[in-house]
Amino acid sequence: MVHALYPNINISAGVARTDDDYEALGPARDDQGWDVNAGAVWFINRNLSANFDFRYTDRDSNTVLFEFERTRVGGGLTIRF
């Protein structure tokens, strides 16, 4: 979902739930998880913009090797010619 907070600032957010079942030659695997993300873009002028991104991922599995939590934060500048 993207929303124009101001004419030059866009914000976005999203939530996703996953439920994956894997069947293989070995034991079957069942994973569940959540993905949560948010971001913002500030259009400073028509040639320059700044962005910020946040993403949190959590996976649970019946196989411990595939369980994890991850938080990513990023930002950057974009120059258009």
PDB file of N, CA and C in Angstrom:
ATOM      1  N   MET A   1       0.835  -1.158   0.000  1.00  0.00           N
ATOM      2  CA  MET A   1       0.000   0.000   0.000  1.00  0.00           C
ATOM      3  C   MET A   1       0.895   1.240   0.000  1.00  0.00           C
ATOM      4  N   VAL A   2       0.663   2.147  -0.928  1.00  0.00           N
ATOM      5  CA  VAL A   2       1.426   3.392  -1.014  1.00  0.00           C
ATOM      6  C   VAL A   2       0.460   4.549  -0.823  1.00  0.00           C
ATOM      7  N   HIS A   3       0.913   5.533  -0.063  1.00  0.00           N
ATOM      8  CA  HIS A   3       0.080   6.704   0.217  1.00  0.00           C
ATOM      9  C   HIS A   3       0.929   7.960   0.071  1.00  0.00           C
ATOM     10  N   ALA A   4       0.383   8.988  -0.573  1.00  0.00           N
ATOM     11  CA  ALA A   4       1.077  10.273  -0.695  1.00  0.00           C
ATOM     12  C   ALA A   4       0.774  11.090   0.552  1.00  0.00           C
ATOM     13  N   LEU A   5       1.743  11.150   1.456  1.00  0.00           N
ATOM     14  CA  LEU A   5       1.575  11.888   2.707  1.00  0.00           C
ATOM     15  C   LEU A   5       1.518  13.383   2.433  1.00  0.00           C
ATOM     16  N   TYR A   6       2.429  13.858   1.630  1.00  0.00           N
ATOM     17  CA  TYR A   6       2.472  15.223   1.106  1.00  0.00           C
ATOM     18  C   TYR A   6       2.719  15.095  -0.386  1.00  0.00           C
ATOM     19  N   PRO A   7       2.618  16.166  -1.157  1.00  0.00           N
ATOM     20  CA  PRO A   7       2.866  16.021  -2.598  1.00  0.00           C
ATOM     21  C   PRO A   7       4.256  15.465  -2.931  1.00  0.00           C
ATOM     22  N   ASN A   8       5.231  15.665  -2.058  1.00  0.00           N
ATOM     23  CA  ASN A   8       6.588  15.194  -2.355  1.00  0.00           C
ATOM     24  C   ASN A   8       7.063  14.065  -1.432  1.00  0.00           C
ATOM     25  N   ILE A   9       6.167  13.477  -0.632  1.00  0.00           N
ATOM     26  CA  ILE A   9       6.544  12.367   0.259  1.00  0.00           C
ATOM     27  C   ILE A   9       5.539  11.228   0.097  1.00  0.00           C
ATOM     28  N   ASN A  10       6.049  10.049  -0.271  1.00  0.00           N
ATOM     29  CA  ASN A  10       5.224   8.840  -0.358  1.00  0.00           C
ATOM     30  C   ASN A  10       5.638   7.888   0.751  1.00  0.00           C
ATOM     31  N   ILE A  11       4.662   7.269   1.399  1.00  0.00           N
ATOM     32  CA  ILE A  11       4.950   6.243   2.393  1.00  0.00           C
ATOM     33  C   ILE A  11       4.295   4.941   1.942  1.00  0.00           C
ATOM     34  N   SER A  12       4.866   3.835   2.363  1.00  0.00           N
ATOM     35  CA  SER A  12       4.317   2.528   2.005  1.00  0.00           C
ATOM     36  C   SER A  12       4.453   1.588   3.192  1.00  0.00           C
ATOM     37  N   ALA A  13       3.577   0.596   3.234  1.00  0.00           N
ATOM     38  CA  ALA A  13       3.612  -0.399   4.304  1.00  0.00           C
ATOM     39  C   ALA A  13       2.970  -1.679   3.796  1.00  0.00           C
ATOM     40  N   GLY A  14       3.354  -2.784   4.386  1.00  0.00           N
ATOM     41  CA  GLY A  14       2.772  -4.057   3.997  1.00  0.00           C
ATOM     42  C   GLY A  14       3.000  -5.121   5.048  1.00  0.00           C
ATOM     43  N   VAL A  15       2.100  -6.089   5.079  1.00  0.00           N
ATOM     44  CA  VAL A  15       2.204  -7.242   5.973  1.00  0.00           C
ATOM     45  C   VAL A  15       1.830  -8.476   5.159  1.00  0.00           C
ATOM     46  N   ALA A  16       2.612  -9.530   5.285  1.00  0.00           N
ATOM     47  CA  ALA A  16       2.320 -10.781   4.585  1.00  0.00           C
ATOM     48  C   ALA A  16       2.503 -11.953   5.537  1.00  0.00           C
ATOM     49  N   ARG A  17       1.593 -12.896   5.469  1.00  0.00           N
ATOM     50  CA  ARG A  17       1.660 -14.132   6.256  1.00  0.00           C
ATOM     51  C   ARG A  17       1.943 -15.269   5.293  1.00  0.00           C
ATOM     52  N   THR A  18       2.902 -16.116   5.621  1.00  0.00           N
ATOM     53  CA  THR A  18       3.231 -17.249   4.756  1.00  0.00           C
ATOM     54  C   THR A  18       3.008 -18.561   5.488  1.00  0.00           C
ATOM     55  N   ASP A  19       2.600 -19.561   4.742  1.00  0.00           N
ATOM     56  CA  ASP A  19       2.441 -20.917   5.270  1.00  0.00           C
ATOM     57  C   ASP A  19       2.851 -21.862   4.152  1.00  0.00           C
ATOM     58  N   ASP A  20       4.052 -22.415   4.250  1.00  0.00           N
ATOM     59  CA  ASP A  20       4.617 -23.237   3.191  1.00  0.00           C
ATOM     60  C   ASP A  20       4.820 -24.666   3.679  1.00  0.00           C
ATOM     61  N   ASP A  21       4.390 -25.618   2.867  1.00  0.00           N
ATOM     62  CA  ASP A  21       4.599 -27.035   3.143  1.00  0.00           C
ATOM     63  C   ASP A  21       5.499 -27.608   2.055  1.00  0.00           C
ATOM     64  N   TYR A  22       6.576 -28.271   2.471  1.00  0.00           N
ATOM     65  CA  TYR A  22       7.523 -28.862   1.533  1.00  0.00           C
ATOM     66  C   TYR A  22       7.554 -30.368   1.747  1.00  0.00           C
ATOM     67  N   GLU A  23       7.417 -31.113   0.654  1.00  0.00           N
ATOM     68  CA  GLU A  23       7.547 -32.558   0.714  1.00  0.00           C
ATOM     69  C   GLU A  23       8.785 -32.943  -0.080  1.00  0.00           C
ATOM     70  N   ALA A  24       9.624 -33.757   0.516  1.00  0.00           N
ATOM     71  CA  ALA A  24      10.880 -34.146  -0.129  1.00  0.00           C
ATOM     72  C   ALA A  24      11.138 -35.613   0.159  1.00  0.00           C
ATOM     73  N   LEU A  25      12.291 -36.094  -0.294  1.00  0.00           N
ATOM     74  CA  LEU A  25      12.658 -37.476  -0.018  1.00  0.00           C
ATOM     75  C   LEU A  25      12.877 -37.706   1.474  1.00  0.00           C
ATOM     76  N   GLY A  26      13.357 -36.686   2.154  1.00  0.00           N
ATOM     77  CA  GLY A  26      13.565 -36.781   3.594  1.00  0.00           C
ATOM     78  C   GLY A  26      12.289 -36.391   4.340  1.00  0.00           C
ATOM     79  N   PRO A  27      12.445 -35.931   5.560  1.00  0.00           N
ATOM     80  CA  PRO A  27      11.255 -35.525   6.327  1.00  0.00           C
ATOM     81  C   PRO A  27      10.589 -34.286   5.708  1.00  0.00           C
ATOM     82  N   ALA A  28       9.272 -34.235   5.773  1.00  0.00           N
ATOM     83  CA  ALA A  28       8.522 -33.090   5.254  1.00  0.00           C
ATOM     84  C   ALA A  28       8.787 -31.875   6.140  1.00  0.00           C
ATOM     85  N   ARG A  29       8.706 -30.710   5.523  1.00  0.00           N
ATOM     86  CA  ARG A  29       8.977 -29.463   6.248  1.00  0.00           C
ATOM     87  C   ARG A  29       7.743 -28.576   6.176  1.00  0.00           C
ATOM     88  N   ASP A  30       7.423 -27.938   7.292  1.00  0.00           N
ATOM     89  CA  ASP A  30       6.276 -27.041   7.379  1.00  0.00           C
ATOM     90  C   ASP A  30       6.758 -25.717   7.964  1.00  0.00           C
ATOM     91  N   ASP A  31       6.675 -24.638   7.175  1.00  0.00           N
ATOM     92  CA  ASP A  31       7.148 -23.313   7.595  1.00  0.00           C
ATOM     93  C   ASP A  31       5.981 -22.335   7.686  1.00  0.00           C
ATOM     94  N   GLN A  32       6.020 -21.482   8.682  1.00  0.00           N
ATOM     95  CA  GLN A  32       5.086 -20.365   8.807  1.00  0.00           C
ATOM     96  C   GLN A  32       5.897 -19.118   9.084  1.00  0.00           C
ATOM     97  N   GLY A  33       5.383 -17.979   8.646  1.00  0.00           N
ATOM     98  CA  GLY A  33       6.141 -16.767   8.894  1.00  0.00           C
ATOM     99  C   GLY A  33       5.365 -15.501   8.620  1.00  0.00           C
ATOM    100  N   TRP A  34       6.010 -14.409   8.992  1.00  0.00           N
ATOM    101  CA  TRP A  34       5.473 -13.063   8.791  1.00  0.00           C
ATOM    102  C   TRP A  34       6.531 -12.197   8.136  1.00  0.00           C
ATOM    103  N   ASP A  35       6.084 -11.337   7.229  1.00  0.00           N
ATOM    104  CA  ASP A  35       6.926 -10.303   6.646  1.00  0.00           C
ATOM    105  C   ASP A  35       6.222  -8.972   6.869  1.00  0.00           C
ATOM    106  N   VAL A  36       6.920  -8.025   7.477  1.00  0.00           N
ATOM    107  CA  VAL A  36       6.378  -6.692   7.739  1.00  0.00           C
ATOM    108  C   VAL A  36       7.347  -5.688   7.131  1.00  0.00           C
ATOM    109  N   ASN A  37       6.825  -4.721   6.351  1.00  0.00           N
ATOM    110  CA  ASN A  37       7.718  -3.741   5.747  1.00  0.00           C
ATOM    111  C   ASN A  37       7.088  -2.360   5.765  1.00  0.00           C
ATOM    112  N   ALA A  38       7.950  -1.363   5.754  1.00  0.00           N
ATOM    113  CA  ALA A  38       7.519   0.037   5.705  1.00  0.00           C
ATOM    114  C   ALA A  38       8.616   0.830   5.005  1.00  0.00           C
ATOM    115  N   GLY A  39       8.207   1.902   4.363  1.00  0.00           N
ATOM    116  CA  GLY A  39       9.190   2.714   3.666  1.00  0.00           C
ATOM    117  C   GLY A  39       8.661   4.102   3.387  1.00  0.00           C
ATOM    118  N   ALA A  40       9.571   4.961   3.010  1.00  0.00           N
ATOM    119  CA  ALA A  40       9.216   6.336   2.659  1.00  0.00           C
ATOM    120  C   ALA A  40      10.156   6.827   1.571  1.00  0.00           C
ATOM    121  N   VAL A  41       9.610   7.649   0.675  1.00  0.00           N
ATOM    122  CA  VAL A  41      10.407   8.295  -0.373  1.00  0.00           C
ATOM    123  C   VAL A  41      10.101   9.786  -0.322  1.00  0.00           C
ATOM    124  N   TRP A  42      11.158  10.573  -0.243  1.00  0.00           N
ATOM    125  CA  TRP A  42      11.034  12.037  -0.240  1.00  0.00           C
ATOM    126  C   TRP A  42      11.609  12.535  -1.561  1.00  0.00           C
ATOM    127  N   PHE A  43      10.764  13.099  -2.398  1.00  0.00           N
ATOM    128  CA  PHE A  43      11.188  13.658  -3.672  1.00  0.00           C
ATOM    129  C   PHE A  43      11.651  15.094  -3.407  1.00  0.00           C
ATOM    130  N   ILE A  44      12.953  15.257  -3.241  1.00  0.00           N
ATOM    131  CA  ILE A  44      13.537  16.549  -2.874  1.00  0.00           C
ATOM    132  C   ILE A  44      13.330  17.561  -3.999  1.00  0.00           C
ATOM    133  N   ASN A  45      13.606  17.150  -5.209  1.00  0.00           N
ATOM    134  CA  ASN A  45      13.274  17.923  -6.409  1.00  0.00           C
ATOM    135  C   ASN A  45      13.084  16.913  -7.532  1.00  0.00           C
ATOM    136  N   ARG A  46      12.937  17.365  -8.764  1.00  0.00           N
ATOM    137  CA  ARG A  46      12.631  16.397  -9.823  1.00  0.00           C
ATOM    138  C   ARG A  46      13.808  15.506 -10.178  1.00  0.00           C
ATOM    139  N   ASN A  47      15.009  15.824  -9.733  1.00  0.00           N
ATOM    140  CA  ASN A  47      16.186  15.016 -10.029  1.00  0.00           C
ATOM    141  C   ASN A  47      16.756  14.262  -8.829  1.00  0.00           C
ATOM    142  N   LEU A  48      16.292  14.549  -7.629  1.00  0.00           N
ATOM    143  CA  LEU A  48      16.892  13.961  -6.431  1.00  0.00           C
ATOM    144  C   LEU A  48      15.804  13.475  -5.485  1.00  0.00           C
ATOM    145  N   SER A  49      15.966  12.237  -4.990  1.00  0.00           N
ATOM    146  CA  SER A  49      15.042  11.705  -3.991  1.00  0.00           C
ATOM    147  C   SER A  49      15.826  10.900  -2.953  1.00  0.00           C
ATOM    148  N   ALA A  50      15.276  10.843  -1.757  1.00  0.00           N
ATOM    149  CA  ALA A  50      15.864  10.063  -0.663  1.00  0.00           C
ATOM    150  C   ALA A  50      14.843   9.012  -0.244  1.00  0.00           C
ATOM    151  N   ASN A  51      15.337   7.827   0.122  1.00  0.00           N
ATOM    152  CA  ASN A  51      14.411   6.776   0.533  1.00  0.00           C
ATOM    153  C   ASN A  51      14.887   6.084   1.801  1.00  0.00           C
ATOM    154  N   PHE A  52      13.917   5.495   2.506  1.00  0.00           N
ATOM    155  CA  PHE A  52      14.162   4.734   3.726  1.00  0.00           C
ATOM    156  C   PHE A  52      13.301   3.481   3.662  1.00  0.00           C
ATOM    157  N   ASP A  53      13.883   2.329   4.020  1.00  0.00           N
ATOM    158  CA  ASP A  53      13.158   1.061   4.006  1.00  0.00           C
ATOM    159  C   ASP A  53      13.415   0.287   5.290  1.00  0.00           C
ATOM    160  N   PHE A  54      12.360  -0.355   5.799  1.00  0.00           N
ATOM    161  CA  PHE A  54      12.436  -1.229   6.966  1.00  0.00           C
ATOM    162  C   PHE A  54      11.712  -2.520   6.627  1.00  0.00           C
ATOM    163  N   ARG A  55      12.326  -3.663   6.940  1.00  0.00           N
ATOM    164  CA  ARG A  55      11.675  -4.959   6.714  1.00  0.00           C
ATOM    165  C   ARG A  55      12.026  -5.898   7.865  1.00  0.00           C
ATOM    166  N   TYR A  56      10.994  -6.545   8.414  1.00  0.00           N
ATOM    167  CA  TYR A  56      11.163  -7.543   9.467  1.00  0.00           C
ATOM    168  C   TYR A  56      10.591  -8.859   8.964  1.00  0.00           C
ATOM    169  N   THR A  57      11.363  -9.932   9.077  1.00  0.00           N
ATOM    170  CA  THR A  57      10.941 -11.256   8.638  1.00  0.00           C
ATOM    171  C   THR A  57      11.126 -12.234   9.787  1.00  0.00           C
ATOM    172  N   ASP A  58      10.106 -13.057  10.029  1.00  0.00           N
ATOM    173  CA  ASP A  58      10.162 -14.083  11.073  1.00  0.00           C
ATOM    174  C   ASP A  58       9.662 -15.388  10.469  1.00  0.00           C
ATOM    175  N   ARG A  59      10.465 -16.444  10.543  1.00  0.00           N
ATOM    176  CA  ARG A  59      10.078 -17.754  10.025  1.00  0.00           C
ATOM    177  C   ARG A  59      10.173 -18.785  11.139  1.00  0.00           C
ATOM    178  N   ASP A  60       9.136 -19.589  11.270  1.00  0.00           N
ATOM    179  CA  ASP A  60       9.123 -20.741  12.169  1.00  0.00           C
ATOM    180  C   ASP A  60       9.005 -21.991  11.309  1.00  0.00           C
ATOM    181  N   SER A  61       9.687 -23.054  11.725  1.00  0.00           N
ATOM    182  CA  SER A  61       9.690 -24.279  10.947  1.00  0.00           C
ATOM    183  C   SER A  61       9.752 -25.478  11.881  1.00  0.00           C
ATOM    184  N   ASN A  62       9.281 -26.625  11.399  1.00  0.00           N
ATOM    185  CA  ASN A  62       9.440 -27.839  12.190  1.00  0.00           C
ATOM    186  C   ASN A  62      10.863 -28.386  12.079  1.00  0.00           C
ATOM    187  N   THR A  63      11.684 -27.772  11.225  1.00  0.00           N
ATOM    188  CA  THR A  63      13.110 -28.084  11.106  1.00  0.00           C
ATOM    189  C   THR A  63      13.887 -26.863  11.597  1.00  0.00           C
ATOM    190  N   VAL A  64      14.567 -26.990  12.701  1.00  0.00           N
ATOM    191  CA  VAL A  64      15.220 -25.853  13.359  1.00  0.00           C
ATOM    192  C   VAL A  64      16.194 -25.126  12.440  1.00  0.00           C
ATOM    193  N   LEU A  65      16.808 -25.831  11.522  1.00  0.00           N
ATOM    194  CA  LEU A  65      17.776 -25.239  10.605  1.00  0.00           C
ATOM    195  C   LEU A  65      17.173 -24.101   9.786  1.00  0.00           C
ATOM    196  N   PHE A  66      15.870 -24.124   9.543  1.00  0.00           N
ATOM    197  CA  PHE A  66      15.224 -23.138   8.683  1.00  0.00           C
ATOM    198  C   PHE A  66      14.478 -22.046   9.449  1.00  0.00           C
ATOM    199  N   GLU A  67      14.596 -21.983  10.770  1.00  0.00           N
ATOM    200  CA  GLU A  67      13.976 -20.916  11.560  1.00  0.00           C
ATOM    201  C   GLU A  67      14.903 -19.715  11.620  1.00  0.00           C
ATOM    202  N   PHE A  68      14.333 -18.514  11.496  1.00  0.00           N
ATOM    203  CA  PHE A  68      15.157 -17.314  11.617  1.00  0.00           C
ATOM    204  C   PHE A  68      14.292 -16.088  11.842  1.00  0.00           C
ATOM    205  N   GLU A  69      14.938 -15.036  12.319  1.00  0.00           N
ATOM    206  CA  GLU A  69      14.379 -13.689  12.397  1.00  0.00           C
ATOM    207  C   GLU A  69      15.382 -12.758  11.758  1.00  0.00           C
ATOM    208  N   ARG A  70      14.889 -11.787  11.001  1.00  0.00           N
ATOM    209  CA  ARG A  70      15.801 -10.861  10.328  1.00  0.00           C
ATOM    210  C   ARG A  70      15.166  -9.476  10.319  1.00  0.00           C
ATOM    211  N   THR A  71      15.965  -8.474  10.616  1.00  0.00           N
ATOM    212  CA  THR A  71      15.540  -7.082  10.526  1.00  0.00           C
ATOM    213  C   THR A  71      16.508  -6.360   9.597  1.00  0.00           C
ATOM    214  N   ARG A  72      15.962  -5.719   8.572  1.00  0.00           N
ATOM    215  CA  ARG A  72      16.794  -4.965   7.637  1.00  0.00           C
ATOM    216  C   ARG A  72      16.326  -3.521   7.594  1.00  0.00           C
ATOM    217  N   VAL A  73      17.277  -2.625   7.643  1.00  0.00           N
ATOM    218  CA  VAL A  73      17.001  -1.186   7.551  1.00  0.00           C
ATOM    219  C   VAL A  73      17.930  -0.634   6.483  1.00  0.00           C
ATOM    220  N   GLY A  74      17.382   0.171   5.598  1.00  0.00           N
ATOM    221  CA  GLY A  74      18.204   0.727   4.529  1.00  0.00           C
ATOM    222  C   GLY A  74      17.726   2.112   4.133  1.00  0.00           C
ATOM    223  N   GLY A  75      18.577   2.765   3.424  1.00  0.00           N
ATOM    224  CA  GLY A  75      18.245   4.103   2.924  1.00  0.00           C
ATOM    225  C   GLY A  75      19.153   4.443   1.771  1.00  0.00           C
ATOM    226  N   GLY A  76      18.797   5.481   1.058  1.00  0.00           N
ATOM    227  CA  GLY A  76      19.639   5.854  -0.060  1.00  0.00           C
ATOM    228  C   GLY A  76      19.175   7.132  -0.735  1.00  0.00           C
ATOM    229  N   LEU A  77      19.989   7.551  -1.682  1.00  0.00           N
ATOM    230  CA  LEU A  77      19.686   8.711  -2.508  1.00  0.00           C
ATOM    231  C   LEU A  77      19.618   8.257  -3.964  1.00  0.00           C
ATOM    232  N   THR A  78      18.697   8.822  -4.708  1.00  0.00           N
ATOM    233  CA  THR A  78      18.582   8.533  -6.128  1.00  0.00           C
ATOM    234  C   THR A  78      18.731   9.851  -6.899  1.00  0.00           C
ATOM    235  N   ILE A  79      19.621   9.839  -7.881  1.00  0.00           N
ATOM    236  CA  ILE A  79      19.826  11.007  -8.729  1.00  0.00           C
ATOM    237  C   ILE A  79      19.381  10.629 -10.134  1.00  0.00           C
ATOM    238  N   ARG A  80      18.502  11.433 -10.711  1.00  0.00           N
ATOM    239  CA  ARG A  80      18.005  11.213 -12.069  1.00  0.00           C
ATOM    240  C   ARG A  80      18.569  12.291 -12.988  1.00  0.00           C
ATOM    241  N   PHE A  81      19.021  11.876 -14.146  1.00  0.00           N
ATOM    242  CA  PHE A  81      19.565  12.827 -15.124  1.00  0.00           C
ATOM    243  C   PHE A  81      18.603  13.023 -16.262  1.00  0.00           C
TER     244      PHE A  81
END
